[in-house]
């Protein structure tokens, strides 16, 4: 597993242990964090930035190394493919 996958597994585990949703964690972290970004980190899709690991560790009350270290964990579960957002009030076949 890569360091991104270690972060994915550990972030998901710590977030779940604190009963936080992805949106809840993003709100507590503030700044550039969103539910989508947390989801992508947990899927191991996006490289993490060191300052983001620091912020997430602080919010979760764990060390940065705890988020990045190898554990006896399974690979992250496959995440669904990324889909384009749907806009409210626009049907799939509507034209402007």
C-alpha atoms as a PDB file:
ATOM      1  CA  UNK A   1       0.000   0.000   0.000  1.00  0.00           C
ATOM      2  CA  UNK A   2       1.138   3.547  -0.686  1.00  0.00           C
ATOM      3  CA  UNK A   3       1.261   6.395   1.817  1.00  0.00           C
ATOM      4  CA  UNK A   4      -1.965   7.705   0.259  1.00  0.00           C
ATOM      5  CA  UNK A   5      -3.660   4.420   1.032  1.00  0.00           C
ATOM      6  CA  UNK A   6      -2.354   4.489   4.618  1.00  0.00           C
ATOM      7  CA  UNK A   7      -3.852   7.955   5.021  1.00  0.00           C
ATOM      8  CA  UNK A   8      -7.088   6.728   3.421  1.00  0.00           C
ATOM      9  CA  UNK A   9      -7.481   3.795   5.813  1.00  0.00           C
ATOM     10  CA  UNK A  10      -6.419   5.708   8.925  1.00  0.00           C
ATOM     11  CA  UNK A  11      -8.438   8.848   8.198  1.00  0.00           C
ATOM     12  CA  UNK A  12     -11.586   6.810   7.647  1.00  0.00           C
ATOM     13  CA  UNK A  13     -10.969   4.783  10.827  1.00  0.00           C
ATOM     14  CA  UNK A  14     -10.326   7.797  13.083  1.00  0.00           C
ATOM     15  CA  UNK A  15     -13.242   9.748  11.611  1.00  0.00           C
ATOM     16  CA  UNK A  16     -15.593   6.803  12.149  1.00  0.00           C
ATOM     17  CA  UNK A  17     -14.294   6.263  15.693  1.00  0.00           C
ATOM     18  CA  UNK A  18     -15.265   9.847  16.543  1.00  0.00           C
ATOM     19  CA  UNK A  19     -18.657   9.377  14.839  1.00  0.00           C
ATOM     20  CA  UNK A  20     -17.960  12.223  12.426  1.00  0.00           C
ATOM     21  CA  UNK A  21     -19.391  12.377   8.934  1.00  0.00           C
ATOM     22  CA  UNK A  22     -17.126  13.475   6.115  1.00  0.00           C
ATOM     23  CA  UNK A  23     -19.024  16.776   6.017  1.00  0.00           C
ATOM     24  CA  UNK A  24     -18.657  17.153   9.796  1.00  0.00           C
ATOM     25  CA  UNK A  25     -14.906  16.604   9.642  1.00  0.00           C
ATOM     26  CA  UNK A  26     -14.622  19.083   6.765  1.00  0.00           C
ATOM     27  CA  UNK A  27     -16.589  21.697   8.729  1.00  0.00           C
ATOM     28  CA  UNK A  28     -14.375  21.284  11.791  1.00  0.00           C
ATOM     29  CA  UNK A  29     -11.229  21.501   9.678  1.00  0.00           C
ATOM     30  CA  UNK A  30     -12.450  24.628   7.880  1.00  0.00           C
ATOM     31  CA  UNK A  31     -10.476  26.333   5.120  1.00  0.00           C
ATOM     32  CA  UNK A  32     -10.164  24.393   1.868  1.00  0.00           C
ATOM     33  CA  UNK A  33     -11.761  21.219   3.231  1.00  0.00           C
ATOM     34  CA  UNK A  34     -15.043  19.923   1.863  1.00  0.00           C
ATOM     35  CA  UNK A  35     -16.940  16.666   2.091  1.00  0.00           C
ATOM     36  CA  UNK A  36     -15.759  15.845  -1.435  1.00  0.00           C
ATOM     37  CA  UNK A  37     -12.100  16.439  -0.543  1.00  0.00           C
ATOM     38  CA  UNK A  38     -12.354  14.248   2.583  1.00  0.00           C
ATOM     39  CA  UNK A  39     -14.061  11.559   0.490  1.00  0.00           C
ATOM     40  CA  UNK A  40     -11.303  11.658  -2.110  1.00  0.00           C
ATOM     41  CA  UNK A  41      -8.608  11.444   0.586  1.00  0.00           C
ATOM     42  CA  UNK A  42     -10.385   8.438   2.102  1.00  0.00           C
ATOM     43  CA  UNK A  43     -10.455   6.794  -1.327  1.00  0.00           C
ATOM     44  CA  UNK A  44      -6.732   7.416  -1.782  1.00  0.00           C
ATOM     45  CA  UNK A  45      -7.440   9.329  -4.981  1.00  0.00           C
ATOM     46  CA  UNK A  46      -5.850  12.683  -4.234  1.00  0.00           C
ATOM     47  CA  UNK A  47      -2.341  13.259  -2.951  1.00  0.00           C
ATOM     48  CA  UNK A  48      -2.478  14.856   0.446  1.00  0.00           C
ATOM     49  CA  UNK A  49      -0.719  18.089   1.298  1.00  0.00           C
ATOM     50  CA  UNK A  50       1.440  18.073   4.453  1.00  0.00           C
ATOM     51  CA  UNK A  51      -0.402  21.051   5.936  1.00  0.00           C
ATOM     52  CA  UNK A  52      -3.715  19.270   5.399  1.00  0.00           C
ATOM     53  CA  UNK A  53      -2.473  16.199   7.259  1.00  0.00           C
ATOM     54  CA  UNK A  54      -1.490  18.509  10.147  1.00  0.00           C
ATOM     55  CA  UNK A  55      -4.937  20.097  10.214  1.00  0.00           C
ATOM     56  CA  UNK A  56      -6.779  16.772  10.066  1.00  0.00           C
ATOM     57  CA  UNK A  57      -4.574  15.314  12.819  1.00  0.00           C
ATOM     58  CA  UNK A  58      -5.264  18.347  15.037  1.00  0.00           C
ATOM     59  CA  UNK A  59      -9.028  18.149  14.454  1.00  0.00           C
ATOM     60  CA  UNK A  60      -9.081  14.390  15.162  1.00  0.00           C
ATOM     61  CA  UNK A  61      -6.789  14.719  18.191  1.00  0.00           C
ATOM     62  CA  UNK A  62      -4.163  12.321  16.843  1.00  0.00           C
ATOM     63  CA  UNK A  63      -0.568  12.702  15.667  1.00  0.00           C
ATOM     64  CA  UNK A  64       0.324  13.179  12.020  1.00  0.00           C
ATOM     65  CA  UNK A  65       2.280   9.935  12.153  1.00  0.00           C
ATOM     66  CA  UNK A  66      -0.856   8.128  13.354  1.00  0.00           C
ATOM     67  CA  UNK A  67      -2.600   9.190  10.146  1.00  0.00           C
ATOM     68  CA  UNK A  68       0.292   8.168   7.918  1.00  0.00           C
ATOM     69  CA  UNK A  69       1.607   4.988   9.501  1.00  0.00           C
ATOM     70  CA  UNK A  70       1.124   1.476   8.293  1.00  0.00           C
ATOM     71  CA  UNK A  71      -1.339  -0.534  10.324  1.00  0.00           C
ATOM     72  CA  UNK A  72      -2.593  -4.051  10.102  1.00  0.00           C
ATOM     73  CA  UNK A  73      -5.482  -2.799   8.039  1.00  0.00           C
ATOM     74  CA  UNK A  74      -7.087  -3.932   4.859  1.00  0.00           C
ATOM     75  CA  UNK A  75      -6.808  -1.930   1.693  1.00  0.00           C
ATOM     76  CA  UNK A  76      -9.370   0.869   1.458  1.00  0.00           C
ATOM     77  CA  UNK A  77     -12.715  -0.222   0.095  1.00  0.00           C
ATOM     78  CA  UNK A  78     -13.204   0.702  -3.549  1.00  0.00           C
ATOM     79  CA  UNK A  79     -14.929   4.030  -3.899  1.00  0.00           C
ATOM     80  CA  UNK A  80     -17.595   4.742  -6.472  1.00  0.00           C
ATOM     81  CA  UNK A  81     -16.519   6.564  -9.616  1.00  0.00           C
ATOM     82  CA  UNK A  82     -16.532  10.337  -9.487  1.00  0.00           C
ATOM     83  CA  UNK A  83     -19.622  11.755 -11.158  1.00  0.00           C
ATOM     84  CA  UNK A  84     -20.348  15.234 -12.389  1.00  0.00           C
ATOM     85  CA  UNK A  85     -22.604  17.128  -9.958  1.00  0.00           C
ATOM     86  CA  UNK A  86     -26.247  17.467 -10.898  1.00  0.00           C
ATOM     87  CA  UNK A  87     -27.666  20.961 -10.895  1.00  0.00           C
ATOM     88  CA  UNK A  88     -30.944  21.534  -9.111  1.00  0.00           C
ATOM     89  CA  UNK A  89     -33.890  22.131 -11.389  1.00  0.00           C
ATOM     90  CA  UNK A  90     -32.193  20.838 -14.537  1.00  0.00           C
ATOM     91  CA  UNK A  91     -33.299  17.506 -15.909  1.00  0.00           C
ATOM     92  CA  UNK A  92     -30.922  15.256 -17.810  1.00  0.00           C
ATOM     93  CA  UNK A  93     -32.533  15.940 -21.184  1.00  0.00           C
ATOM     94  CA  UNK A  94     -33.211  19.669 -20.777  1.00  0.00           C
ATOM     95  CA  UNK A  95     -31.536  22.199 -23.017  1.00  0.00           C
ATOM     96  CA  UNK A  96     -31.038  25.873 -22.358  1.00  0.00           C
END
